[in-house]
Amino acid sequence: MGKNGDCKKFENLLTETIDEAFSTLGENVRKSIYFHLNQKFMITKQDIPYKIDEFSDALEQIFGIGARMLELLIMTKLQGKIRALYKWEGPNWLVPELTFSQYVSLLKSFYEDNGEIRQVEVIMDAGDQRQEQRA
């Protein structure tokens, strides 16, 4: 069950959020994206929450570098719906680079834990340095 007694499943919330993000590009573009995801990548709208890595890869193949902007829009909208606030507690010069799927996973954990603050380990790209981030 989600934060504040909301029993909407995270997967449904994610699907709605992705749909809203696609809609900002226009209705025809939204339909076209879902068509290509289904036809070329075998990812249906309902599959997306269970195939986040494949979804992210498909967006990159469709939009190139522009996929990052779309992923950022999805992350921003999803974070707003869940009302999750994250605070980086590491040094300012060291900011973790989370992939889209890692970020979605963090938000899912936050949502399913009813907004409970807990430690999340983030492995940095630079060697084996490990930093903890509050999620």
C-alpha atoms as a PDB file:
ATOM      1  CA  MET A   1       0.000   0.000   0.000  1.00  0.00           C
ATOM      2  CA  GLY A   2       1.289   3.446  -0.854  1.00  0.00           C
ATOM      3  CA  LYS A   3       1.860   6.555   1.186  1.00  0.00           C
ATOM      4  CA  ASN A   4      -1.122   8.118   2.972  1.00  0.00           C
ATOM      5  CA  GLY A   5      -3.257   4.992   2.671  1.00  0.00           C
ATOM      6  CA  ASP A   6      -3.313   5.196  -1.114  1.00  0.00           C
ATOM      7  CA  CYS A   7      -3.722   1.609  -2.276  1.00  0.00           C
ATOM      8  CA  LYS A   8      -2.958   2.355  -5.934  1.00  0.00           C
ATOM      9  CA  LYS A   9      -0.238   0.029  -7.083  1.00  0.00           C
ATOM     10  CA  PHE A  10       3.082   1.606  -7.939  1.00  0.00           C
ATOM     11  CA  GLU A  11       3.009  -0.051 -11.357  1.00  0.00           C
ATOM     12  CA  ASN A  12      -0.293   1.685 -12.176  1.00  0.00           C
ATOM     13  CA  LEU A  13       1.064   5.006 -10.953  1.00  0.00           C
ATOM     14  CA  LEU A  14       4.188   4.587 -13.101  1.00  0.00           C
ATOM     15  CA  THR A  15       2.128   3.679 -16.184  1.00  0.00           C
ATOM     16  CA  GLU A  16      -0.093   6.754 -15.692  1.00  0.00           C
ATOM     17  CA  THR A  17       2.957   8.975 -15.249  1.00  0.00           C
ATOM     18  CA  ILE A  18       4.632   7.671 -18.405  1.00  0.00           C
ATOM     19  CA  ASP A  19       1.384   8.181 -20.305  1.00  0.00           C
ATOM     20  CA  GLU A  20       1.192  11.788 -19.065  1.00  0.00           C
ATOM     21  CA  ALA A  21       4.807  12.415 -20.068  1.00  0.00           C
ATOM     22  CA  PHE A  22       4.201  11.006 -23.549  1.00  0.00           C
ATOM     23  CA  SER A  23       1.033  13.136 -23.834  1.00  0.00           C
ATOM     24  CA  THR A  24       3.081  16.316 -23.436  1.00  0.00           C
ATOM     25  CA  LEU A  25       4.480  15.513 -26.890  1.00  0.00           C
ATOM     26  CA  GLY A  26       0.999  15.360 -28.392  1.00  0.00           C
ATOM     27  CA  GLU A  27      -1.621  12.652 -28.746  1.00  0.00           C
ATOM     28  CA  ASN A  28      -0.349  11.359 -32.109  1.00  0.00           C
ATOM     29  CA  VAL A  29       3.214  11.150 -30.811  1.00  0.00           C
ATOM     30  CA  ARG A  30       2.027   9.346 -27.660  1.00  0.00           C
ATOM     31  CA  LYS A  31       0.212   6.740 -29.753  1.00  0.00           C
ATOM     32  CA  SER A  32       3.197   6.405 -32.075  1.00  0.00           C
ATOM     33  CA  ILE A  33       5.594   5.778 -29.167  1.00  0.00           C
ATOM     34  CA  TYR A  34       3.386   3.010 -27.785  1.00  0.00           C
ATOM     35  CA  PHE A  35       3.045   1.534 -31.282  1.00  0.00           C
ATOM     36  CA  HIS A  36       6.833   1.431 -31.748  1.00  0.00           C
ATOM     37  CA  LEU A  37       7.420   0.069 -28.249  1.00  0.00           C
ATOM     38  CA  ASN A  38       4.986  -2.741 -28.980  1.00  0.00           C
ATOM     39  CA  GLN A  39       5.945  -3.518 -32.585  1.00  0.00           C
ATOM     40  CA  LYS A  40       9.706  -3.047 -32.544  1.00  0.00           C
ATOM     41  CA  PHE A  41      10.594  -3.807 -28.922  1.00  0.00           C
ATOM     42  CA  MET A  42       7.736  -6.114 -27.846  1.00  0.00           C
ATOM     43  CA  ILE A  43       6.924  -3.885 -24.856  1.00  0.00           C
ATOM     44  CA  THR A  44       3.250  -3.187 -24.250  1.00  0.00           C
ATOM     45  CA  LYS A  45       2.075  -0.266 -22.160  1.00  0.00           C
ATOM     46  CA  GLN A  46       1.220  -2.690 -19.339  1.00  0.00           C
ATOM     47  CA  ASP A  47       4.690  -4.331 -19.547  1.00  0.00           C
ATOM     48  CA  ILE A  48       6.638  -1.122 -18.969  1.00  0.00           C
ATOM     49  CA  PRO A  49       6.738  -1.249 -15.132  1.00  0.00           C
ATOM     50  CA  TYR A  50       8.176  -4.766 -15.327  1.00  0.00           C
ATOM     51  CA  LYS A  51      10.657  -4.024 -18.121  1.00  0.00           C
ATOM     52  CA  ILE A  52      12.154  -0.691 -17.061  1.00  0.00           C
ATOM     53  CA  ASP A  53      15.643  -1.398 -18.448  1.00  0.00           C
ATOM     54  CA  GLU A  54      14.244  -2.537 -21.798  1.00  0.00           C
ATOM     55  CA  PHE A  55      11.895   0.459 -21.842  1.00  0.00           C
ATOM     56  CA  SER A  56      14.785   2.858 -21.217  1.00  0.00           C
ATOM     57  CA  ASP A  57      16.864   1.200 -23.955  1.00  0.00           C
ATOM     58  CA  ALA A  58      13.918   1.393 -26.361  1.00  0.00           C
ATOM     59  CA  LEU A  59      13.434   5.110 -25.648  1.00  0.00           C
ATOM     60  CA  GLU A  60      17.110   5.672 -26.369  1.00  0.00           C
ATOM     61  CA  GLN A  61      16.838   3.844 -29.675  1.00  0.00           C
ATOM     62  CA  ILE A  62      13.746   5.853 -30.609  1.00  0.00           C
ATOM     63  CA  PHE A  63      14.834   9.319 -29.401  1.00  0.00           C
ATOM     64  CA  GLY A  64      18.617   9.097 -29.106  1.00  0.00           C
ATOM     65  CA  ILE A  65      20.011  11.517 -26.553  1.00  0.00           C
ATOM     66  CA  GLY A  66      16.558  13.106 -26.319  1.00  0.00           C
ATOM     67  CA  ALA A  67      15.401  10.045 -24.377  1.00  0.00           C
ATOM     68  CA  ARG A  68      17.143  11.462 -21.296  1.00  0.00           C
ATOM     69  CA  MET A  69      14.880  14.517 -21.355  1.00  0.00           C
ATOM     70  CA  LEU A  70      11.818  12.284 -21.546  1.00  0.00           C
ATOM     71  CA  GLU A  71      13.115  10.112 -18.693  1.00  0.00           C
ATOM     72  CA  LEU A  72      13.750  13.241 -16.601  1.00  0.00           C
ATOM     73  CA  LEU A  73      10.195  14.381 -17.260  1.00  0.00           C
ATOM     74  CA  ILE A  74       8.858  10.980 -16.177  1.00  0.00           C
ATOM     75  CA  MET A  75      11.032  11.011 -13.033  1.00  0.00           C
ATOM     76  CA  THR A  76       9.954  14.536 -12.108  1.00  0.00           C
ATOM     77  CA  LYS A  77       6.262  13.771 -12.586  1.00  0.00           C
ATOM     78  CA  LEU A  78       6.521  10.472 -10.694  1.00  0.00           C
ATOM     79  CA  GLN A  79       8.392  12.050  -7.804  1.00  0.00           C
ATOM     80  CA  GLY A  80       5.701  14.723  -7.580  1.00  0.00           C
ATOM     81  CA  LYS A  81       2.903  12.154  -7.500  1.00  0.00           C
ATOM     82  CA  ILE A  82       4.585  10.154  -4.771  1.00  0.00           C
ATOM     83  CA  ARG A  83       5.615  13.304  -2.918  1.00  0.00           C
ATOM     84  CA  ALA A  84       9.098  11.947  -2.383  1.00  0.00           C
ATOM     85  CA  LEU A  85      11.898  14.299  -1.438  1.00  0.00           C
ATOM     86  CA  TYR A  86      15.495  13.181  -1.632  1.00  0.00           C
ATOM     87  CA  LYS A  87      18.433  14.853  -0.011  1.00  0.00           C
ATOM     88  CA  TRP A  88      21.959  14.013  -1.086  1.00  0.00           C
ATOM     89  CA  GLU A  89      24.115  13.708   2.018  1.00  0.00           C
ATOM     90  CA  GLY A  90      27.446  13.304   0.264  1.00  0.00           C
ATOM     91  CA  PRO A  91      29.926  15.997  -0.705  1.00  0.00           C
ATOM     92  CA  ASN A  92      28.606  18.580  -3.170  1.00  0.00           C
ATOM     93  CA  TRP A  93      31.298  17.715  -5.715  1.00  0.00           C
ATOM     94  CA  LEU A  94      30.266  14.055  -5.723  1.00  0.00           C
ATOM     95  CA  VAL A  95      26.784  13.533  -7.109  1.00  0.00           C
ATOM     96  CA  PRO A  96      25.608   9.993  -7.829  1.00  0.00           C
ATOM     97  CA  GLU A  97      24.581   9.166 -11.345  1.00  0.00           C
ATOM     98  CA  LEU A  98      21.483   7.051 -11.119  1.00  0.00           C
ATOM     99  CA  THR A  99      20.085   5.377 -14.180  1.00  0.00           C
ATOM    100  CA  PHE A 100      16.422   5.743 -14.986  1.00  0.00           C
ATOM    101  CA  SER A 101      15.720   2.207 -13.758  1.00  0.00           C
ATOM    102  CA  GLN A 102      17.637   2.795 -10.504  1.00  0.00           C
ATOM    103  CA  TYR A 103      15.647   5.965  -9.863  1.00  0.00           C
ATOM    104  CA  VAL A 104      12.337   4.223 -10.548  1.00  0.00           C
ATOM    105  CA  SER A 105      13.424   1.447  -8.184  1.00  0.00           C
ATOM    106  CA  LEU A 106      14.190   3.984  -5.437  1.00  0.00           C
ATOM    107  CA  LEU A 107      10.812   5.654  -5.877  1.00  0.00           C
ATOM    108  CA  LYS A 108       9.072   2.282  -5.822  1.00  0.00           C
ATOM    109  CA  SER A 109      10.812   1.382  -2.555  1.00  0.00           C
ATOM    110  CA  PHE A 110       9.852   4.743  -1.051  1.00  0.00           C
ATOM    111  CA  TYR A 111       6.240   4.352  -2.174  1.00  0.00           C
ATOM    112  CA  GLU A 112       5.874   0.780  -0.976  1.00  0.00           C
ATOM    113  CA  ASP A 113       7.487   1.585   2.376  1.00  0.00           C
ATOM    114  CA  ASN A 114       4.802   4.229   2.985  1.00  0.00           C
ATOM    115  CA  GLY A 115       7.268   7.075   2.691  1.00  0.00           C
ATOM    116  CA  GLU A 116       9.609   5.690   5.339  1.00  0.00           C
ATOM    117  CA  ILE A 117      13.083   7.198   5.220  1.00  0.00           C
ATOM    118  CA  ARG A 118      15.766   4.565   4.886  1.00  0.00           C
ATOM    119  CA  GLN A 119      19.333   4.258   3.718  1.00  0.00           C
ATOM    120  CA  VAL A 120      19.989   3.355   0.108  1.00  0.00           C
ATOM    121  CA  GLU A 121      23.428   2.366  -1.094  1.00  0.00           C
ATOM    122  CA  VAL A 122      24.557   3.948  -4.341  1.00  0.00           C
ATOM    123  CA  ILE A 123      27.641   2.576  -6.068  1.00  0.00           C
ATOM    124  CA  MET A 124      29.593   5.303  -7.780  1.00  0.00           C
ATOM    125  CA  ASP A 125      31.195   4.979 -11.217  1.00  0.00           C
ATOM    126  CA  ALA A 126      34.621   6.042  -9.954  1.00  0.00           C
ATOM    127  CA  GLY A 127      36.189   2.799  -8.780  1.00  0.00           C
ATOM    128  CA  ASP A 128      34.593   0.970  -5.916  1.00  0.00           C
ATOM    129  CA  GLN A 129      33.763   4.057  -3.848  1.00  0.00           C
ATOM    130  CA  ARG A 130      30.477   3.680  -2.063  1.00  0.00           C
ATOM    131  CA  GLN A 131      28.346   6.475  -0.731  1.00  0.00           C
ATOM    132  CA  GLU A 132      25.036   6.253   1.038  1.00  0.00           C
ATOM    133  CA  GLN A 133      22.093   8.382   0.043  1.00  0.00           C
ATOM    134  CA  ARG A 134      18.956   8.910   2.049  1.00  0.00           C
ATOM    135  CA  ALA A 135      15.898   7.984   0.040  1.00  0.00           C
END
